[in-house]
């Protein structure tokens, strides 16, 4: 029992820490925590259980034709990435269609996907740490797998599935119809390929060439992490530019003050003012959402009538909150 508890703590606590980092990176318009928690639970339970069942069925079916040994390799290198990325991606699809008003930017799609994937990774790591670490080699084996899977490889699943979130967000928000059609499949395919590349390198390099193979595998993994982090930073800066561009009109109309405007487009100003009160937090989130909606209107994204109605609603809310939020 103690081994299972230790494995659970070492799997879920880091997953929540990684999820908190991902949440922190969503700088300007925070996504509802209830949706993020739901995405995490989907990954931790629905996607994980589904992956165990469907990968097992697919592998057993394939073994009839190519034998158990070959089917086991195929299950790890190909079937698992196909099934797992598809099941994780379903959570993002559900959120996009059930709560379209919360899917305002490409960063939103990446965030929901990453949180779902971190839930999946938490349960998967629990199973590995307990059954292949503690059950086989005691606490030494558990710690070794913890370092390998949770510390060195902790962002793997989040980075793979982030591409699905990006593809789905582009399918909702990009003005070009062809891009909207292609991007969900492209994001899913890239997620599957990166996941399959990692699993293949783990089997054939880390398994055959020891530390050298492990080092090469980690080098490739970390390189993809850097690319995705770069995309996240790009999207954060893009959102910042949208706030700077689209809220100028609100300053001219007297809805927000120049001090509010300066704080709304500033990382430090956002952080300093949001922590002062619930009204300030909501005020700056509404400012960021207003900038998103005005960008959607300018680029012809979504239902224009609904977008205009939401813009007017946000303007009224911001005007009502502004006197309660002295910017500093």
Protein backbone atom coordinates (compact mmCIF):
# COMPACT_ATOMS: atom_id res chain seq x y z
CA UNK A 1 0.00 0.00 0.00
CA UNK A 2 2.79 2.41 0.88
CA UNK A 3 4.37 1.87 -2.52
CA UNK A 4 1.15 2.75 -4.32
CA UNK A 5 0.67 5.88 -2.21
CA UNK A 6 4.23 6.96 -2.90
CA UNK A 7 3.76 6.36 -6.63
CA UNK A 8 0.51 8.36 -6.60
CA UNK A 9 2.13 11.29 -4.80
CA UNK A 10 5.17 11.30 -7.10
CA UNK A 11 2.89 11.18 -10.15
CA UNK A 12 0.04 13.57 -9.34
CA UNK A 13 1.81 16.27 -7.31
CA UNK A 14 4.30 17.07 -10.12
CA UNK A 15 1.44 16.93 -12.64
CA UNK A 16 -0.43 19.61 -10.68
CA UNK A 17 2.77 21.68 -10.50
CA UNK A 18 3.25 21.41 -14.27
CA UNK A 19 -0.43 22.28 -14.77
CA UNK A 20 0.02 25.35 -12.56
CA UNK A 21 2.95 26.46 -14.71
CA UNK A 22 0.85 26.03 -17.86
CA UNK A 23 -1.98 28.00 -16.23
CA UNK A 24 0.45 30.76 -15.24
CA UNK A 25 1.64 31.06 -18.85
CA UNK A 26 -1.90 32.01 -19.88
CA UNK A 27 -1.11 35.58 -18.95
CA UNK A 28 -4.01 37.80 -19.99
CA UNK A 29 -7.31 35.92 -20.08
CA UNK A 30 -7.41 33.04 -17.63
CA UNK A 31 -9.49 30.02 -18.61
CA UNK A 32 -12.16 28.80 -16.14
CA UNK A 33 -10.63 26.48 -13.59
CA UNK A 34 -13.66 24.19 -13.71
CA UNK A 35 -13.00 23.48 -17.41
CA UNK A 36 -9.30 22.97 -16.83
CA UNK A 37 -10.02 20.60 -13.94
CA UNK A 38 -12.50 18.73 -16.12
CA UNK A 39 -9.88 18.44 -18.86
CA UNK A 40 -7.37 17.09 -16.32
CA UNK A 41 -9.88 14.50 -15.08
CA UNK A 42 -10.67 13.42 -18.64
CA UNK A 43 -6.99 12.82 -19.26
CA UNK A 44 -6.42 11.10 -15.91
CA UNK A 45 -9.37 8.70 -16.13
CA UNK A 46 -11.33 8.62 -19.39
CA UNK A 47 -8.39 8.87 -21.79
CA UNK A 48 -6.15 6.60 -19.71
CA UNK A 49 -8.73 3.84 -19.31
CA UNK A 50 -9.74 4.14 -22.95
CA UNK A 51 -6.11 3.90 -24.05
CA UNK A 52 -5.53 0.74 -22.02
CA UNK A 53 -8.64 -0.92 -23.46
CA UNK A 54 -8.37 0.15 -27.10
CA UNK A 55 -4.60 -0.22 -27.42
CA UNK A 56 -4.91 -3.69 -25.91
CA UNK A 57 -7.66 -4.67 -28.35
CA UNK A 58 -5.76 -3.29 -31.34
CA UNK A 59 -2.53 -4.98 -30.28
CA UNK A 60 -4.23 -8.33 -29.71
CA UNK A 61 -5.90 -8.09 -33.13
CA UNK A 62 -2.60 -7.23 -34.80
CA UNK A 63 -0.85 -10.16 -33.06
CA UNK A 64 -3.06 -12.56 -35.02
CA UNK A 65 -1.37 -11.45 -38.23
CA UNK A 66 2.20 -10.54 -37.26
CA UNK A 67 2.82 -12.41 -34.01
CA UNK A 68 2.89 -11.27 -30.38
CA UNK A 69 6.46 -9.94 -30.33
CA UNK A 70 6.01 -7.74 -33.40
CA UNK A 71 2.56 -6.64 -32.23
CA UNK A 72 4.02 -5.57 -28.89
CA UNK A 73 6.58 -3.36 -30.62
CA UNK A 74 3.90 -1.95 -32.92
CA UNK A 75 1.64 -1.37 -29.93
CA UNK A 76 4.28 0.77 -28.23
CA UNK A 77 5.62 2.65 -31.25
CA UNK A 78 2.45 3.20 -33.30
CA UNK A 79 -0.83 2.02 -31.76
CA UNK A 80 -0.34 3.72 -28.39
CA UNK A 81 0.41 7.16 -29.91
CA UNK A 82 -2.58 6.87 -32.26
CA UNK A 83 -5.02 5.88 -29.54
CA UNK A 84 -3.70 8.11 -26.76
CA UNK A 85 -3.48 11.32 -28.78
CA UNK A 86 -6.94 10.73 -30.23
CA UNK A 87 -8.50 10.19 -26.80
CA UNK A 88 -6.75 13.22 -25.30
CA UNK A 89 -7.77 15.33 -28.28
CA UNK A 90 -11.45 14.45 -27.80
CA UNK A 91 -11.48 16.45 -24.55
CA UNK A 92 -10.33 19.57 -26.41
CA UNK A 93 -12.93 19.00 -29.13
CA UNK A 94 -15.68 18.74 -26.51
CA UNK A 95 -14.58 21.98 -24.83
CA UNK A 96 -14.35 23.79 -28.17
CA UNK A 97 -17.91 22.88 -29.18
CA UNK A 98 -19.54 22.96 -25.73
CA UNK A 99 -17.89 26.21 -24.58
CA UNK A 100 -16.95 28.11 -27.76
CA UNK A 101 -16.95 31.41 -25.89
CA UNK A 102 -13.94 30.18 -23.87
CA UNK A 103 -11.95 29.27 -26.99
CA UNK A 104 -10.71 32.77 -27.82
CA UNK A 105 -7.11 32.23 -28.88
CA UNK A 106 -4.65 29.64 -30.09
CA UNK A 107 -3.09 29.70 -26.64
CA UNK A 108 -6.43 28.57 -25.16
CA UNK A 109 -6.42 25.48 -27.35
CA UNK A 110 -2.84 24.64 -26.39
CA UNK A 111 -3.63 25.14 -22.69
CA UNK A 112 -6.67 22.85 -22.64
CA UNK A 113 -4.73 20.21 -24.56
CA UNK A 114 -1.71 20.41 -22.25
CA UNK A 115 -3.83 20.16 -19.09
CA UNK A 116 -5.65 17.12 -20.50
CA UNK A 117 -2.32 15.51 -21.36
CA UNK A 118 -0.89 16.22 -17.89
CA UNK A 119 -3.85 14.38 -16.37
CA UNK A 120 -3.16 11.45 -18.69
CA UNK A 121 0.54 11.51 -17.80
CA UNK A 122 -0.23 11.53 -14.06
CA UNK A 123 -2.20 8.29 -14.20
CA UNK A 124 0.18 6.65 -16.68
CA UNK A 125 3.15 7.55 -14.48
CA UNK A 126 1.34 6.15 -11.43
CA UNK A 127 0.90 2.82 -13.18
CA UNK A 128 4.52 2.72 -14.38
CA UNK A 129 6.02 3.80 -11.08
CA UNK A 130 4.06 1.27 -9.11
CA UNK A 131 3.97 -1.80 -11.39
CA UNK A 132 7.33 -1.43 -13.16
CA UNK A 133 9.21 0.48 -10.49
CA UNK A 134 8.13 -0.36 -6.96
CA UNK A 135 6.66 -3.83 -7.66
CA UNK A 136 9.84 -4.99 -9.43
CA UNK A 137 12.69 -3.13 -7.68
CA UNK A 138 11.22 -1.52 -4.59
CA UNK A 139 11.72 2.15 -3.79
CA UNK A 140 14.95 2.26 -5.78
CA UNK A 141 13.11 1.29 -8.95
CA UNK A 142 10.28 3.69 -8.15
CA UNK A 143 12.67 6.64 -7.73
CA UNK A 144 14.59 5.73 -10.89
CA UNK A 145 11.40 5.74 -12.96
CA UNK A 146 10.26 8.94 -11.24
CA UNK A 147 13.41 10.75 -12.36
CA UNK A 148 13.18 9.34 -15.88
CA UNK A 149 9.46 9.77 -16.54
CA UNK A 150 8.36 12.64 -14.29
CA UNK A 151 11.45 14.85 -14.05
CA UNK A 152 13.29 14.28 -17.33
CA UNK A 153 10.19 13.49 -19.41
CA UNK A 154 7.50 15.35 -17.51
CA UNK A 155 6.39 17.65 -20.34
CA UNK A 156 6.27 14.97 -23.04
CA UNK A 157 2.54 14.28 -23.22
CA UNK A 158 1.67 17.97 -22.79
CA UNK A 159 3.89 18.95 -25.72
CA UNK A 160 2.51 16.25 -28.03
CA UNK A 161 -1.13 17.08 -27.36
CA UNK A 162 -0.53 20.84 -27.45
CA UNK A 163 -0.27 20.49 -31.23
CA UNK A 164 -3.82 19.09 -31.30
CA UNK A 165 -5.03 22.06 -29.28
CA UNK A 166 -3.25 24.45 -31.62
CA UNK A 167 -4.77 22.77 -34.68
CA UNK A 168 -8.27 22.88 -33.22
CA UNK A 169 -7.89 26.53 -32.20
CA UNK A 170 -6.79 27.43 -35.71
CA UNK A 171 -9.78 25.57 -37.12
CA UNK A 172 -12.02 27.84 -35.07
CA UNK A 173 -10.15 31.13 -35.30
CA UNK A 174 -8.26 31.29 -38.59
CA UNK A 175 -9.90 33.42 -41.30
CA UNK A 176 -8.78 31.13 -44.14
CA UNK A 177 -11.28 28.32 -44.80
CA UNK A 178 -8.66 25.89 -46.14
CA UNK A 179 -6.52 26.37 -43.02
CA UNK A 180 -9.57 25.79 -40.83
CA UNK A 181 -10.23 22.47 -42.58
CA UNK A 182 -6.65 21.21 -42.61
CA UNK A 183 -5.34 22.39 -39.24
CA UNK A 184 -7.16 19.90 -36.92
CA UNK A 185 -5.86 16.92 -38.86
CA UNK A 186 -2.38 18.46 -39.16
CA UNK A 187 -2.22 19.11 -35.41
CA UNK A 188 -3.38 15.58 -34.60
CA UNK A 189 -0.92 14.04 -37.07
CA UNK A 190 2.00 16.03 -35.69
CA UNK A 191 1.09 15.02 -32.13
CA UNK A 192 0.93 11.34 -33.12
CA UNK A 193 4.21 11.53 -35.04
CA UNK A 194 6.11 13.22 -32.20
CA UNK A 195 4.69 10.74 -29.70
CA UNK A 196 5.54 7.82 -31.99
CA UNK A 197 9.07 9.20 -32.53
CA UNK A 198 9.64 9.33 -28.77
CA UNK A 199 8.33 5.81 -28.22
CA UNK A 200 10.33 4.44 -31.15
CA UNK A 201 13.55 6.05 -29.92
CA UNK A 202 12.86 4.73 -26.42
CA UNK A 203 12.47 1.18 -27.74
CA UNK A 204 15.29 1.08 -30.27
CA UNK A 205 17.82 3.61 -28.97
CA UNK A 206 17.43 3.80 -25.20
CA UNK A 207 16.78 0.06 -25.09
CA UNK A 208 19.75 -0.92 -27.25
CA UNK A 209 22.37 1.77 -26.56
CA UNK A 210 21.80 2.51 -22.89
CA UNK A 211 22.70 5.99 -21.66
CA UNK A 212 23.79 7.14 -25.13
CA UNK A 213 20.43 6.20 -26.60
CA UNK A 214 18.63 7.75 -23.64
CA UNK A 215 20.60 10.95 -24.09
CA UNK A 216 19.69 11.18 -27.77
CA UNK A 217 16.03 10.51 -26.97
CA UNK A 218 15.98 13.24 -24.33
CA UNK A 219 17.75 15.66 -26.67
CA UNK A 220 15.04 15.22 -29.29
CA UNK A 221 12.30 15.47 -26.65
CA UNK A 222 13.68 18.64 -25.10
CA UNK A 223 14.14 20.20 -28.54
CA UNK A 224 10.42 19.81 -29.24
CA UNK A 225 9.66 21.26 -25.81
CA UNK A 226 11.70 24.36 -26.67
CA UNK A 227 9.82 24.74 -29.95
CA UNK A 228 6.43 24.59 -28.19
CA UNK A 229 7.61 26.99 -25.47
CA UNK A 230 8.66 29.37 -28.24
CA UNK A 231 5.18 29.11 -29.76
CA UNK A 232 3.60 29.81 -26.38
CA UNK A 233 5.75 32.91 -25.89
CA UNK A 234 4.87 34.02 -29.43
CA UNK A 235 1.15 33.65 -28.67
CA UNK A 236 1.49 35.53 -25.37
CA UNK A 237 3.17 38.40 -27.18
CA UNK A 238 0.50 38.25 -29.87
CA UNK A 239 -2.25 38.57 -27.27
CA UNK A 240 -0.39 41.49 -25.72
CA UNK A 241 -0.28 43.26 -29.09
CA UNK A 242 -4.02 42.66 -29.58
CA UNK A 243 -4.75 44.30 -26.22
CA UNK A 244 -2.53 47.25 -27.12
CA UNK A 245 -4.17 47.64 -30.55
CA UNK A 246 -7.83 47.04 -29.77
CA UNK A 247 -8.25 48.82 -26.44
CA UNK A 248 -7.10 52.20 -27.74
CA UNK A 249 -10.71 52.84 -28.77
CA UNK A 250 -11.91 52.21 -25.20
CA UNK A 251 -9.45 54.77 -23.86
CA UNK A 252 -10.61 57.36 -26.40
CA UNK A 253 -14.24 56.67 -25.47
CA UNK A 254 -13.49 57.09 -21.76
CA UNK A 255 -14.48 53.51 -20.91
CA UNK A 256 -11.06 52.80 -19.41
CA UNK A 257 -8.39 55.23 -18.26
CA UNK A 258 -4.89 55.51 -19.74
CA UNK A 259 -3.60 53.93 -16.51
CA UNK A 260 -5.97 50.97 -16.97
CA UNK A 261 -4.78 50.65 -20.57
CA UNK A 262 -1.13 50.67 -19.56
CA UNK A 263 -1.74 48.00 -16.93
CA UNK A 264 -3.88 45.85 -19.25
CA UNK A 265 -1.14 45.50 -21.85
CA UNK A 266 1.67 44.98 -19.33
CA UNK A 267 2.75 41.65 -17.80
CA UNK A 268 3.80 43.24 -14.53
CA UNK A 269 0.83 45.61 -14.52
CA UNK A 270 -1.57 42.70 -14.98
CA UNK A 271 0.03 40.72 -12.18
CA UNK A 272 0.20 43.67 -9.79
CA UNK A 273 -3.42 44.74 -10.32
CA UNK A 274 -5.12 41.35 -10.57
CA UNK A 275 -4.05 40.34 -7.09
CA UNK A 276 -5.64 43.40 -5.48
CA UNK A 277 -9.30 42.34 -5.65
CA UNK A 278 -11.83 40.11 -7.39
CA UNK A 279 -13.16 43.15 -9.24
CA UNK A 280 -9.68 43.99 -10.56
CA UNK A 281 -9.13 40.40 -11.67
CA UNK A 282 -12.41 40.32 -13.55
CA UNK A 283 -11.83 43.80 -15.00
CA UNK A 284 -8.53 42.86 -16.64
CA UNK A 285 -9.83 39.52 -17.84
CA UNK A 286 -12.77 41.33 -19.46
CA UNK A 287 -10.34 43.76 -21.09
CA UNK A 288 -8.37 40.87 -22.58
CA UNK A 289 -11.53 39.12 -23.77
CA UNK A 290 -12.76 42.34 -25.34
CA UNK A 291 -9.52 42.61 -27.31
CA UNK A 292 -9.96 39.00 -28.49
CA UNK A 293 -13.56 39.59 -29.57
CA UNK A 294 -12.67 42.78 -31.43
CA UNK A 295 -9.93 40.86 -33.24
CA UNK A 296 -12.45 38.15 -34.14
CA UNK A 297 -14.77 40.81 -35.52
CA UNK A 298 -11.98 42.44 -37.53
CA UNK A 299 -10.90 39.12 -39.06
CA UNK A 300 -14.39 37.77 -39.69
CA UNK A 301 -14.12 34.84 -37.30
CA UNK A 302 -17.26 33.22 -35.87
CA UNK A 303 -20.80 34.52 -35.79
CA UNK A 304 -20.48 38.27 -36.28
CA UNK A 305 -23.82 39.10 -34.63
CA UNK A 306 -22.90 37.14 -31.51
CA UNK A 307 -19.45 38.70 -31.46
CA UNK A 308 -20.88 42.23 -31.61
CA UNK A 309 -23.33 41.41 -28.83
CA UNK A 310 -20.50 40.07 -26.67
CA UNK A 311 -18.36 43.15 -27.37
CA UNK A 312 -21.16 45.43 -26.22
CA UNK A 313 -21.74 43.30 -23.12
CA UNK A 314 -18.04 43.40 -22.22
CA UNK A 315 -17.89 47.16 -22.72
CA UNK A 316 -20.77 47.63 -20.30
CA UNK A 317 -19.16 45.32 -17.74
CA UNK A 318 -15.79 47.07 -18.03
CA UNK A 319 -17.40 50.50 -17.68
CA UNK A 320 -19.20 49.31 -14.55
CA UNK A 321 -16.07 47.82 -13.00
CA UNK A 322 -13.63 50.58 -13.93
CA UNK A 323 -14.46 52.91 -10.99
CA UNK A 324 -13.75 50.05 -8.58
CA UNK A 325 -10.32 49.38 -10.09
CA UNK A 326 -7.84 52.21 -9.65
CA UNK A 327 -4.77 51.21 -11.66
CA UNK A 328 -1.40 51.46 -9.92
